[in-house]
Amino acid sequence: MEKHLEGLTLLQKRLVKAYATSIMGEVRTVKDVKPEALQRYVELEIAEREITALTNE
C-alpha cells in the first residue's frame, strides 16, 4: 500500500507521514516540508489517505 513511498528510507517515510498528518490537521502547509524533495511524497501521502477515506465510506 506504500508504493508511492518506494525508494525512501524508513526515516523519510516517517517524516512524510508526520508531515501529512500535520498538514491534514491544518497545523502546517506543504511549503513547510523540509527537505523540499519530500514535498511531492507528502502530497501523494495526503492523496492516498483521502482516496482511502472515500473508498471506505
PDB file of N, CA and C in Angstrom:
ATOM      1  N   MET A   1       0.814  -1.200   0.000  1.00  0.00           N
ATOM      2  CA  MET A   1       0.000   0.000   0.000  1.00  0.00           C
ATOM      3  C   MET A   1       0.853   1.258   0.000  1.00  0.00           C
ATOM      4  N   GLU A   2       2.128   1.112   0.217  1.00  0.00           N
ATOM      5  CA  GLU A   2       3.000   2.287   0.262  1.00  0.00           C
ATOM      6  C   GLU A   2       3.876   2.396  -0.978  1.00  0.00           C
ATOM      7  N   LYS A   3       3.333   2.007  -2.118  1.00  0.00           N
ATOM      8  CA  LYS A   3       4.119   2.073  -3.348  1.00  0.00           C
ATOM      9  C   LYS A   3       4.576   3.494  -3.657  1.00  0.00           C
ATOM     10  N   HIS A   4       3.780   4.477  -3.234  1.00  0.00           N
ATOM     11  CA  HIS A   4       4.120   5.870  -3.502  1.00  0.00           C
ATOM     12  C   HIS A   4       5.322   6.325  -2.675  1.00  0.00           C
ATOM     13  N   LEU A   5       5.740   5.510  -1.706  1.00  0.00           N
ATOM     14  CA  LEU A   5       6.888   5.858  -0.864  1.00  0.00           C
ATOM     15  C   LEU A   5       8.106   4.987  -1.155  1.00  0.00           C
ATOM     16  N   GLU A   6       8.038   4.171  -2.207  1.00  0.00           N
ATOM     17  CA  GLU A   6       9.166   3.306  -2.549  1.00  0.00           C
ATOM     18  C   GLU A   6      10.404   4.146  -2.833  1.00  0.00           C
ATOM     19  N   GLY A   7      11.536   3.647  -2.378  1.00  0.00           N
ATOM     20  CA  GLY A   7      12.797   4.334  -2.611  1.00  0.00           C
ATOM     21  C   GLY A   7      13.197   5.268  -1.481  1.00  0.00           C
ATOM     22  N   LEU A   8      12.287   5.506  -0.547  1.00  0.00           N
ATOM     23  CA  LEU A   8      12.603   6.359   0.590  1.00  0.00           C
ATOM     24  C   LEU A   8      13.138   5.518   1.744  1.00  0.00           C
ATOM     25  N   THR A   9      13.963   6.131   2.571  1.00  0.00           N
ATOM     26  CA  THR A   9      14.441   5.441   3.765  1.00  0.00           C
ATOM     27  C   THR A   9      13.307   5.393   4.785  1.00  0.00           C
ATOM     28  N   LEU A  10      13.478   4.582   5.812  1.00  0.00           N
ATOM     29  CA  LEU A  10      12.462   4.488   6.867  1.00  0.00           C
ATOM     30  C   LEU A  10      12.249   5.851   7.525  1.00  0.00           C
ATOM     31  N   LEU A  11      13.319   6.573   7.763  1.00  0.00           N
ATOM     32  CA  LEU A  11      13.221   7.907   8.362  1.00  0.00           C
ATOM     33  C   LEU A  11      12.433   8.851   7.460  1.00  0.00           C
ATOM     34  N   GLN A  12      12.711   8.828   6.163  1.00  0.00           N
ATOM     35  CA  GLN A  12      11.992   9.691   5.226  1.00  0.00           C
ATOM     36  C   GLN A  12      10.509   9.324   5.182  1.00  0.00           C
ATOM     37  N   LYS A  13      10.203   8.037   5.222  1.00  0.00           N
ATOM     38  CA  LYS A  13       8.798   7.611   5.225  1.00  0.00           C
ATOM     39  C   LYS A  13       8.080   8.136   6.464  1.00  0.00           C
ATOM     40  N   ARG A  14       8.746   8.067   7.605  1.00  0.00           N
ATOM     41  CA  ARG A  14       8.138   8.569   8.842  1.00  0.00           C
ATOM     42  C   ARG A  14       7.936  10.074   8.781  1.00  0.00           C
ATOM     43  N   LEU A  15       8.914  10.784   8.207  1.00  0.00           N
ATOM     44  CA  LEU A  15       8.769  12.239   8.049  1.00  0.00           C
ATOM     45  C   LEU A  15       7.579  12.564   7.153  1.00  0.00           C
ATOM     46  N   VAL A  16       7.463  11.856   6.044  1.00  0.00           N
ATOM     47  CA  VAL A  16       6.358  12.085   5.104  1.00  0.00           C
ATOM     48  C   VAL A  16       5.020  11.883   5.808  1.00  0.00           C
ATOM     49  N   LYS A  17       4.904  10.805   6.564  1.00  0.00           N
ATOM     50  CA  LYS A  17       3.651  10.525   7.255  1.00  0.00           C
ATOM     51  C   LYS A  17       3.354  11.567   8.333  1.00  0.00           C
ATOM     52  N   ALA A  18       4.378  12.004   9.040  1.00  0.00           N
ATOM     53  CA  ALA A  18       4.191  13.018  10.083  1.00  0.00           C
ATOM     54  C   ALA A  18       3.783  14.355   9.473  1.00  0.00           C
ATOM     55  N   TYR A  19       4.464  14.749   8.392  1.00  0.00           N
ATOM     56  CA  TYR A  19       4.102  15.996   7.722  1.00  0.00           C
ATOM     57  C   TYR A  19       2.680  15.918   7.177  1.00  0.00           C
ATOM     58  N   ALA A  20       2.317  14.787   6.583  1.00  0.00           N
ATOM     59  CA  ALA A  20       0.964  14.643   6.024  1.00  0.00           C
ATOM     60  C   ALA A  20      -0.082  14.796   7.117  1.00  0.00           C
ATOM     61  N   THR A  21       0.176  14.201   8.258  1.00  0.00           N
ATOM     62  CA  THR A  21      -0.767  14.304   9.378  1.00  0.00           C
ATOM     63  C   THR A  21      -0.912  15.748   9.836  1.00  0.00           C
ATOM     64  N   SER A  22       0.217  16.462   9.970  1.00  0.00           N
ATOM     65  CA  SER A  22       0.134  17.845  10.448  1.00  0.00           C
ATOM     66  C   SER A  22      -0.486  18.771   9.403  1.00  0.00           C
ATOM     67  N   ILE A  23      -0.291  18.468   8.135  1.00  0.00           N
ATOM     68  CA  ILE A  23      -0.906  19.283   7.075  1.00  0.00           C
ATOM     69  C   ILE A  23      -2.410  19.045   7.038  1.00  0.00           C
ATOM     70  N   MET A  24      -2.808  17.780   7.154  1.00  0.00           N
ATOM     71  CA  MET A  24      -4.242  17.469   7.144  1.00  0.00           C
ATOM     72  C   MET A  24      -4.935  18.045   8.374  1.00  0.00           C
ATOM     73  N   GLY A  25      -4.198  18.196   9.463  1.00  0.00           N
ATOM     74  CA  GLY A  25      -4.738  18.807  10.671  1.00  0.00           C
ATOM     75  C   GLY A  25      -4.636  20.322  10.655  1.00  0.00           C
ATOM     76  N   GLU A  26      -4.203  20.864   9.524  1.00  0.00           N
ATOM     77  CA  GLU A  26      -4.078  22.302   9.292  1.00  0.00           C
ATOM     78  C   GLU A  26      -3.115  22.979  10.268  1.00  0.00           C
ATOM     79  N   VAL A  27      -2.055  22.243  10.656  1.00  0.00           N
ATOM     80  CA  VAL A  27      -1.019  22.800  11.513  1.00  0.00           C
ATOM     81  C   VAL A  27       0.120  23.359  10.663  1.00  0.00           C
ATOM     82  N   ARG A  28       0.377  22.719   9.526  1.00  0.00           N
ATOM     83  CA  ARG A  28       1.434  23.123   8.600  1.00  0.00           C
ATOM     84  C   ARG A  28       0.880  23.174   7.186  1.00  0.00           C
ATOM     85  N   THR A  29       1.729  23.637   6.261  1.00  0.00           N
ATOM     86  CA  THR A  29       1.406  23.592   4.841  1.00  0.00           C
ATOM     87  C   THR A  29       2.492  22.787   4.133  1.00  0.00           C
ATOM     88  N   VAL A  30       2.238  22.427   2.887  1.00  0.00           N
ATOM     89  CA  VAL A  30       3.228  21.662   2.121  1.00  0.00           C
ATOM     90  C   VAL A  30       4.519  22.465   1.981  1.00  0.00           C
ATOM     91  N   LYS A  31       4.427  23.768   1.939  1.00  0.00           N
ATOM     92  CA  LYS A  31       5.634  24.604   1.820  1.00  0.00           C
ATOM     93  C   LYS A  31       6.527  24.515   3.053  1.00  0.00           C
ATOM     94  N   ASP A  32       5.984  24.056   4.183  1.00  0.00           N
ATOM     95  CA  ASP A  32       6.763  23.897   5.411  1.00  0.00           C
ATOM     96  C   ASP A  32       7.622  22.637   5.398  1.00  0.00           C
ATOM     97  N   VAL A  33       7.373  21.730   4.450  1.00  0.00           N
ATOM     98  CA  VAL A  33       8.076  20.445   4.412  1.00  0.00           C
ATOM     99  C   VAL A  33       9.542  20.643   4.054  1.00  0.00           C
ATOM    100  N   LYS A  34      10.412  20.146   4.925  1.00  0.00           N
ATOM    101  CA  LYS A  34      11.855  20.196   4.699  1.00  0.00           C
ATOM    102  C   LYS A  34      12.385  18.796   4.916  1.00  0.00           C
ATOM    103  N   PRO A  35      13.204  18.247   4.080  1.00  0.00           N
ATOM    104  CA  PRO A  35      13.730  18.802   2.842  1.00  0.00           C
ATOM    105  C   PRO A  35      12.649  18.889   1.754  1.00  0.00           C
ATOM    106  N   GLU A  36      12.827  19.859   0.884  1.00  0.00           N
ATOM    107  CA  GLU A  36      11.825  20.120  -0.144  1.00  0.00           C
ATOM    108  C   GLU A  36      11.596  18.920  -1.064  1.00  0.00           C
ATOM    109  N   ALA A  37      12.589  18.048  -1.182  1.00  0.00           N
ATOM    110  CA  ALA A  37      12.454  16.868  -2.044  1.00  0.00           C
ATOM    111  C   ALA A  37      11.322  15.950  -1.562  1.00  0.00           C
ATOM    112  N   LEU A  38      10.931  16.072  -0.313  1.00  0.00           N
ATOM    113  CA  LEU A  38       9.857  15.230   0.224  1.00  0.00           C
ATOM    114  C   LEU A  38       8.465  15.808  -0.021  1.00  0.00           C
ATOM    115  N   GLN A  39       8.379  17.037  -0.497  1.00  0.00           N
ATOM    116  CA  GLN A  39       7.071  17.676  -0.672  1.00  0.00           C
ATOM    117  C   GLN A  39       6.145  16.870  -1.563  1.00  0.00           C
ATOM    118  N   ARG A  40       6.648  16.358  -2.669  1.00  0.00           N
ATOM    119  CA  ARG A  40       5.777  15.596  -3.584  1.00  0.00           C
ATOM    120  C   ARG A  40       5.312  14.300  -2.941  1.00  0.00           C
ATOM    121  N   TYR A  41       6.167  13.698  -2.100  1.00  0.00           N
ATOM    122  CA  TYR A  41       5.769  12.478  -1.402  1.00  0.00           C
ATOM    123  C   TYR A  41       4.683  12.770  -0.367  1.00  0.00           C
ATOM    124  N   VAL A  42       4.790  13.922   0.278  1.00  0.00           N
ATOM    125  CA  VAL A  42       3.769  14.314   1.250  1.00  0.00           C
ATOM    126  C   VAL A  42       2.437  14.529   0.531  1.00  0.00           C
ATOM    127  N   GLU A  43       2.472  15.174  -0.617  1.00  0.00           N
ATOM    128  CA  GLU A  43       1.243  15.379  -1.389  1.00  0.00           C
ATOM    129  C   GLU A  43       0.634  14.041  -1.800  1.00  0.00           C
ATOM    130  N   LEU A  44       1.480  13.098  -2.204  1.00  0.00           N
ATOM    131  CA  LEU A  44       0.993  11.769  -2.573  1.00  0.00           C
ATOM    132  C   LEU A  44       0.405  11.034  -1.369  1.00  0.00           C
ATOM    133  N   GLU A  45       1.038  11.168  -0.213  1.00  0.00           N
ATOM    134  CA  GLU A  45       0.538  10.530   1.011  1.00  0.00           C
ATOM    135  C   GLU A  45      -0.839  11.088   1.373  1.00  0.00           C
ATOM    136  N   ILE A  46      -1.007  12.389   1.273  1.00  0.00           N
ATOM    137  CA  ILE A  46      -2.300  13.008   1.572  1.00  0.00           C
ATOM    138  C   ILE A  46      -3.358  12.503   0.590  1.00  0.00           C
ATOM    139  N   ALA A  47      -2.999  12.440  -0.691  1.00  0.00           N
ATOM    140  CA  ALA A  47      -3.939  11.944  -1.698  1.00  0.00           C
ATOM    141  C   ALA A  47      -4.323  10.497  -1.415  1.00  0.00           C
ATOM    142  N   GLU A  48      -3.351   9.664  -1.056  1.00  0.00           N
ATOM    143  CA  GLU A  48      -3.628   8.262  -0.722  1.00  0.00           C
ATOM    144  C   GLU A  48      -4.612   8.161   0.444  1.00  0.00           C
ATOM    145  N   ARG A  49      -4.396   8.977   1.461  1.00  0.00           N
ATOM    146  CA  ARG A  49      -5.280   8.949   2.642  1.00  0.00           C
ATOM    147  C   ARG A  49      -6.685   9.400   2.266  1.00  0.00           C
ATOM    148  N   GLU A  50      -6.790  10.426   1.428  1.00  0.00           N
ATOM    149  CA  GLU A  50      -8.107  10.920   1.030  1.00  0.00           C
ATOM    150  C   GLU A  50      -8.842   9.886   0.192  1.00  0.00           C
ATOM    151  N   ILE A  51      -8.136   9.224  -0.700  1.00  0.00           N
ATOM    152  CA  ILE A  51      -8.745   8.188  -1.540  1.00  0.00           C
ATOM    153  C   ILE A  51      -9.220   7.027  -0.663  1.00  0.00           C
ATOM    154  N   THR A  52      -8.379   6.633   0.282  1.00  0.00           N
ATOM    155  CA  THR A  52      -8.742   5.548   1.192  1.00  0.00           C
ATOM    156  C   THR A  52      -9.984   5.905   1.992  1.00  0.00           C
ATOM    157  N   ALA A  53     -10.045   7.138   2.467  1.00  0.00           N
ATOM    158  CA  ALA A  53     -11.212   7.573   3.241  1.00  0.00           C
ATOM    159  C   ALA A  53     -12.473   7.554   2.395  1.00  0.00           C
ATOM    160  N   LEU A  54     -12.371   7.954   1.130  1.00  0.00           N
ATOM    161  CA  LEU A  54     -13.529   7.969   0.246  1.00  0.00           C
ATOM    162  C   LEU A  54     -13.997   6.562  -0.121  1.00  0.00           C
ATOM    163  N   THR A  55     -13.061   5.655  -0.302  1.00  0.00           N
ATOM    164  CA  THR A  55     -13.443   4.300  -0.711  1.00  0.00           C
ATOM    165  C   THR A  55     -13.923   3.456   0.453  1.00  0.00           C
ATOM    166  N   ASN A  56     -13.636   3.886   1.676  1.00  0.00           N
ATOM    167  CA  ASN A  56     -14.072   3.135   2.859  1.00  0.00           C
ATOM    168  C   ASN A  56     -15.379   3.655   3.434  1.00  0.00           C
ATOM    169  N   GLU A  57     -15.971   4.644   2.826  1.00  0.00           N
ATOM    170  CA  GLU A  57     -17.231   5.194   3.341  1.00  0.00           C
ATOM    171  C   GLU A  57     -18.394   4.318   2.995  1.00  0.00           C
TER     172      GLU A  57
END
